[in-house]
Amino acid sequence: MILFHHARGLPMFAASRHPETGEPIMIYAGEQGYWPLAPDIDPEKFNRDIGATPAQVRAMEIGSMFGWEAPGSFVENHKEKP
């Protein structure tokens, strides 16, 4: 499974915010859904600390919700903000 993540250019995991509640969540590359995080964890800081780019996080958000073959789950389909 590690090869899948490296081949896709995704980290093994990344933090995000639940789209409806804003609560911090963890997303694992290749897995559907998410896992809750402690409310005091800042997803943006967490991702910076592990080196996950905004494009990678967005691809993982889409993959976890819509499937890992959806076009949005590919990091190359997201442009980095300057």
Protein backbone atom coordinates (compact mmCIF):
# COMPACT_ATOMS: atom_id res chain seq x y z
CA MET A 1 0.00 0.00 0.00
CA ILE A 2 2.91 2.37 0.56
CA LEU A 3 3.77 2.18 -3.14
CA PHE A 4 0.28 3.46 -3.95
CA HIS A 5 0.84 6.56 -1.87
CA HIS A 6 4.29 7.30 -3.27
CA ALA A 7 3.14 6.63 -6.82
CA ARG A 8 0.29 9.11 -6.34
CA GLY A 9 2.49 11.74 -4.73
CA LEU A 10 0.43 11.72 -1.54
CA PRO A 11 1.53 11.54 2.07
CA MET A 12 0.38 8.54 4.10
CA PHE A 13 -2.02 10.81 6.01
CA ALA A 14 -3.05 14.44 6.34
CA ALA A 15 -5.28 16.51 8.57
CA SER A 16 -8.27 18.50 7.40
CA ARG A 17 -11.49 20.01 8.68
CA HIS A 18 -14.86 18.33 8.46
CA PRO A 19 -16.71 20.12 5.64
CA GLU A 20 -19.88 20.63 7.70
CA THR A 21 -18.71 21.03 11.29
CA GLY A 22 -15.17 22.39 10.88
CA GLU A 23 -13.88 19.84 13.38
CA PRO A 24 -10.33 18.54 12.80
CA ILE A 25 -10.16 15.18 11.03
CA MET A 26 -7.47 12.77 9.79
CA ILE A 27 -7.50 11.33 6.28
CA TYR A 28 -5.44 8.29 5.30
CA ALA A 29 -4.40 7.94 1.66
CA GLY A 30 -6.28 5.17 -0.10
CA GLU A 31 -8.99 4.85 2.57
CA GLN A 32 -12.58 6.05 2.43
CA GLY A 33 -13.87 8.37 5.11
CA TYR A 34 -12.03 10.09 7.93
CA TRP A 35 -11.16 9.80 11.60
CA PRO A 36 -11.79 12.50 14.22
CA LEU A 37 -8.85 14.32 15.78
CA ALA A 38 -8.58 16.06 19.14
CA PRO A 39 -10.29 19.46 18.95
CA ASP A 40 -7.10 21.31 19.90
CA ILE A 41 -5.18 20.08 16.81
CA ASP A 42 -4.77 22.71 14.10
CA PRO A 43 -4.97 20.84 10.76
CA GLU A 44 -3.14 23.56 8.83
CA LYS A 45 -0.19 23.55 11.26
CA PHE A 46 -0.19 19.75 11.37
CA ASN A 47 0.07 19.55 7.56
CA ARG A 48 2.82 22.17 7.44
CA ASP A 49 4.75 20.23 10.09
CA ILE A 50 4.58 16.98 8.09
CA GLY A 51 5.22 18.72 4.76
CA ALA A 52 1.81 18.05 3.17
CA THR A 53 1.00 20.68 0.55
CA PRO A 54 -2.46 22.22 0.13
CA ALA A 55 -2.78 20.41 -3.22
CA GLN A 56 -2.02 17.06 -1.59
CA VAL A 57 -4.51 17.71 1.20
CA ARG A 58 -7.23 18.71 -1.28
CA ALA A 59 -6.59 15.59 -3.36
CA MET A 60 -6.86 13.47 -0.22
CA GLU A 61 -10.09 15.19 0.84
CA ILE A 62 -11.65 14.42 -2.52
CA GLY A 63 -10.30 10.86 -2.60
CA SER A 64 -11.66 10.08 0.85
CA MET A 65 -15.12 11.36 -0.09
CA PHE A 66 -15.54 10.44 -3.76
CA GLY A 67 -13.10 7.58 -4.30
CA TRP A 68 -9.41 7.36 -5.09
CA GLU A 69 -9.95 7.18 -8.85
CA ALA A 70 -11.98 10.42 -9.00
CA PRO A 71 -10.12 13.08 -11.04
CA GLY A 72 -9.91 15.36 -8.00
CA SER A 73 -8.02 12.72 -6.02
CA PHE A 74 -4.95 13.22 -8.22
CA VAL A 75 -2.61 15.88 -6.86
CA GLU A 76 -1.63 17.04 -10.35
CA ASN A 77 -5.22 18.26 -10.84
CA HIS A 78 -4.75 20.91 -8.13
CA LYS A 79 -2.70 24.03 -8.56
CA GLU A 80 -0.66 25.33 -5.66
CA LYS A 81 -1.39 28.88 -4.57
CA PRO A 82 1.72 31.09 -4.86
